[in-house]
Amino acid sequence: MDTIETYRELIEKILIEYTKIPYAYGEIHTEAVFDRSRDRYLLVNVGWDNGERVHSSLVHIDILDGKLWIQRDGTEDGIASELVKAGVPKEHIVLGFRSPEVRQHTDYAVA
């Protein structure tokens, strides 16, 4: 199995686990959205809380040039650490939500 296909499967597996975590308040659920043809992967919170509509991105990951670009990470512990635990090398993970100046001081890829 090639690396990109492995990354797709790992991302999907990790994100699906997040959809199983119930919210402690409101009528909110988390949806996983996968676009394998464009290598875009999202977790979206959808629902209602105290009469207010909730619709927000929790996680957004793109696969670009063989690297996993984390564009948004609203998880408590960080999706990058879960990807590393699953076997993705840190040099294949880009913290896209950080500026290039800050990325160079992390253990992850700059771009």
C-alpha atoms as a PDB file:
ATOM      1  CA  MET A   1       0.000   0.000   0.000  1.00  0.00           C
ATOM      2  CA  ASP A   2       1.381   3.414  -0.878  1.00  0.00           C
ATOM      3  CA  THR A   3       2.035   6.168   1.649  1.00  0.00           C
ATOM      4  CA  ILE A   4      -0.760   8.514   0.511  1.00  0.00           C
ATOM      5  CA  GLU A   5      -3.355   5.746   0.757  1.00  0.00           C
ATOM      6  CA  THR A   6      -2.047   4.855   4.215  1.00  0.00           C
ATOM      7  CA  TYR A   7      -2.324   8.514   5.280  1.00  0.00           C
ATOM      8  CA  ARG A   8      -5.890   8.710   3.970  1.00  0.00           C
ATOM      9  CA  GLU A   9      -6.892   5.673   5.989  1.00  0.00           C
ATOM     10  CA  LEU A  10      -5.169   6.918   9.156  1.00  0.00           C
ATOM     11  CA  ILE A  11      -6.798  10.343   8.942  1.00  0.00           C
ATOM     12  CA  GLU A  12     -10.234   8.843   8.351  1.00  0.00           C
ATOM     13  CA  LYS A  13      -9.841   6.376  11.219  1.00  0.00           C
ATOM     14  CA  ILE A  14      -8.759   9.096  13.657  1.00  0.00           C
ATOM     15  CA  LEU A  15     -11.492  11.532  12.616  1.00  0.00           C
ATOM     16  CA  ILE A  16     -14.218   8.891  12.790  1.00  0.00           C
ATOM     17  CA  GLU A  17     -13.291   8.257  16.428  1.00  0.00           C
ATOM     18  CA  TYR A  18     -14.012  11.927  17.177  1.00  0.00           C
ATOM     19  CA  THR A  19     -17.542  11.564  15.774  1.00  0.00           C
ATOM     20  CA  LYS A  20     -18.264   9.038  18.531  1.00  0.00           C
ATOM     21  CA  ILE A  21     -17.584  11.516  21.352  1.00  0.00           C
ATOM     22  CA  PRO A  22     -20.885  12.983  22.575  1.00  0.00           C
ATOM     23  CA  TYR A  23     -21.188  16.661  23.481  1.00  0.00           C
ATOM     24  CA  ALA A  24     -21.875  17.415  27.138  1.00  0.00           C
ATOM     25  CA  TYR A  25     -24.318  20.207  26.268  1.00  0.00           C
ATOM     26  CA  GLY A  26     -26.695  21.243  23.516  1.00  0.00           C
ATOM     27  CA  GLU A  27     -27.910  19.104  20.677  1.00  0.00           C
ATOM     28  CA  ILE A  28     -24.588  19.033  18.849  1.00  0.00           C
ATOM     29  CA  HIS A  29     -22.947  16.232  16.918  1.00  0.00           C
ATOM     30  CA  THR A  30     -19.687  15.958  15.022  1.00  0.00           C
ATOM     31  CA  GLU A  31     -19.595  14.945  11.370  1.00  0.00           C
ATOM     32  CA  ALA A  32     -16.608  13.646   9.426  1.00  0.00           C
ATOM     33  CA  VAL A  33     -16.358  14.902   5.848  1.00  0.00           C
ATOM     34  CA  PHE A  34     -13.940  13.163   3.486  1.00  0.00           C
ATOM     35  CA  ASP A  35     -13.043  14.212  -0.060  1.00  0.00           C
ATOM     36  CA  ARG A  36     -10.513  11.596  -1.159  1.00  0.00           C
ATOM     37  CA  SER A  37     -10.341  12.875  -4.741  1.00  0.00           C
ATOM     38  CA  ARG A  38      -9.003  16.228  -3.480  1.00  0.00           C
ATOM     39  CA  ASP A  39      -7.488  14.876  -0.232  1.00  0.00           C
ATOM     40  CA  ARG A  40      -9.485  17.115   2.099  1.00  0.00           C
ATOM     41  CA  TYR A  41     -10.634  15.857   5.501  1.00  0.00           C
ATOM     42  CA  LEU A  42     -12.852  17.729   7.972  1.00  0.00           C
ATOM     43  CA  LEU A  43     -14.580  17.410  11.302  1.00  0.00           C
ATOM     44  CA  VAL A  44     -17.576  19.716  11.579  1.00  0.00           C
ATOM     45  CA  ASN A  45     -19.728  20.414  14.635  1.00  0.00           C
ATOM     46  CA  VAL A  46     -23.404  20.801  13.755  1.00  0.00           C
ATOM     47  CA  GLY A  47     -26.501  21.358  15.875  1.00  0.00           C
ATOM     48  CA  TRP A  48     -28.152  23.690  18.354  1.00  0.00           C
ATOM     49  CA  ASP A  49     -27.176  25.056  21.758  1.00  0.00           C
ATOM     50  CA  ASN A  50     -29.640  27.184  23.762  1.00  0.00           C
ATOM     51  CA  GLY A  51     -31.515  28.167  20.616  1.00  0.00           C
ATOM     52  CA  GLU A  52     -28.314  29.162  18.788  1.00  0.00           C
ATOM     53  CA  ARG A  53     -27.139  27.408  15.640  1.00  0.00           C
ATOM     54  CA  VAL A  54     -23.779  25.666  15.903  1.00  0.00           C
ATOM     55  CA  HIS A  55     -21.848  24.993  12.721  1.00  0.00           C
ATOM     56  CA  SER A  56     -18.080  25.093  12.946  1.00  0.00           C
ATOM     57  CA  SER A  57     -14.947  23.376  11.756  1.00  0.00           C
ATOM     58  CA  LEU A  58     -13.131  21.406  14.440  1.00  0.00           C
ATOM     59  CA  VAL A  59     -10.396  19.844  12.273  1.00  0.00           C
ATOM     60  CA  HIS A  60      -9.280  20.415   8.676  1.00  0.00           C
ATOM     61  CA  ILE A  61      -6.478  18.353   7.149  1.00  0.00           C
ATOM     62  CA  ASP A  62      -5.272  18.433   3.533  1.00  0.00           C
ATOM     63  CA  ILE A  63      -2.772  16.104   1.902  1.00  0.00           C
ATOM     64  CA  LEU A  64      -0.536  18.332  -0.227  1.00  0.00           C
ATOM     65  CA  ASP A  65       2.633  17.145  -1.967  1.00  0.00           C
ATOM     66  CA  GLY A  66       2.751  14.031   0.206  1.00  0.00           C
ATOM     67  CA  LYS A  67       2.480  15.918   3.501  1.00  0.00           C
ATOM     68  CA  LEU A  68      -0.395  16.259   5.929  1.00  0.00           C
ATOM     69  CA  TRP A  69      -1.283  19.931   6.285  1.00  0.00           C
ATOM     70  CA  ILE A  70      -3.270  20.564   9.455  1.00  0.00           C
ATOM     71  CA  GLN A  71      -5.182  23.716   8.502  1.00  0.00           C
ATOM     72  CA  ARG A  72      -7.341  23.808  11.648  1.00  0.00           C
ATOM     73  CA  ASP A  73      -7.058  21.924  14.919  1.00  0.00           C
ATOM     74  CA  GLY A  74      -9.645  22.563  17.587  1.00  0.00           C
ATOM     75  CA  THR A  75      -8.999  19.325  19.481  1.00  0.00           C
ATOM     76  CA  GLU A  76      -7.912  19.299  23.091  1.00  0.00           C
ATOM     77  CA  ASP A  77      -4.697  17.292  22.702  1.00  0.00           C
ATOM     78  CA  GLY A  78      -3.814  18.084  19.097  1.00  0.00           C
ATOM     79  CA  ILE A  79      -4.447  15.981  16.034  1.00  0.00           C
ATOM     80  CA  ALA A  80      -0.733  16.062  15.082  1.00  0.00           C
ATOM     81  CA  SER A  81       0.220  14.028  18.143  1.00  0.00           C
ATOM     82  CA  GLU A  82      -2.421  11.421  17.233  1.00  0.00           C
ATOM     83  CA  LEU A  83      -1.046  11.204  13.693  1.00  0.00           C
ATOM     84  CA  VAL A  84       2.478  10.689  15.069  1.00  0.00           C
ATOM     85  CA  LYS A  85       1.214   7.942  17.414  1.00  0.00           C
ATOM     86  CA  ALA A  86      -0.377   6.305  14.357  1.00  0.00           C
ATOM     87  CA  GLY A  87       3.007   6.224  12.598  1.00  0.00           C
ATOM     88  CA  VAL A  88       3.177   9.433  10.549  1.00  0.00           C
ATOM     89  CA  PRO A  89       6.684  10.947  10.728  1.00  0.00           C
ATOM     90  CA  LYS A  90       6.757  14.503  12.099  1.00  0.00           C
ATOM     91  CA  GLU A  91       8.549  15.655   8.947  1.00  0.00           C
ATOM     92  CA  HIS A  92       5.396  14.714   6.981  1.00  0.00           C
ATOM     93  CA  ILE A  93       3.118  16.906   9.133  1.00  0.00           C
ATOM     94  CA  VAL A  94       2.787  20.648   8.553  1.00  0.00           C
ATOM     95  CA  LEU A  95       1.035  22.808  11.140  1.00  0.00           C
ATOM     96  CA  GLY A  96      -0.646  24.985   8.521  1.00  0.00           C
ATOM     97  CA  PHE A  97      -2.517  26.970  11.174  1.00  0.00           C
ATOM     98  CA  ARG A  98       0.838  28.310  12.388  1.00  0.00           C
ATOM     99  CA  SER A  99       2.717  31.022  10.521  1.00  0.00           C
ATOM    100  CA  PRO A 100       5.844  29.921   8.604  1.00  0.00           C
ATOM    101  CA  GLU A 101       7.965  31.860  11.101  1.00  0.00           C
ATOM    102  CA  VAL A 102       6.535  29.855  14.004  1.00  0.00           C
ATOM    103  CA  ARG A 103       6.584  26.493  12.174  1.00  0.00           C
ATOM    104  CA  GLN A 104      10.375  26.532  11.967  1.00  0.00           C
ATOM    105  CA  HIS A 105      10.512  26.321  15.772  1.00  0.00           C
ATOM    106  CA  THR A 106       8.306  23.211  16.009  1.00  0.00           C
ATOM    107  CA  ASP A 107       9.270  19.574  15.649  1.00  0.00           C
ATOM    108  CA  TYR A 108       7.098  19.355  12.538  1.00  0.00           C
ATOM    109  CA  ALA A 109       7.688  20.146   8.865  1.00  0.00           C
ATOM    110  CA  VAL A 110       7.915  23.791   7.763  1.00  0.00           C
ATOM    111  CA  ALA A 111       6.196  23.149   4.402  1.00  0.00           C
END
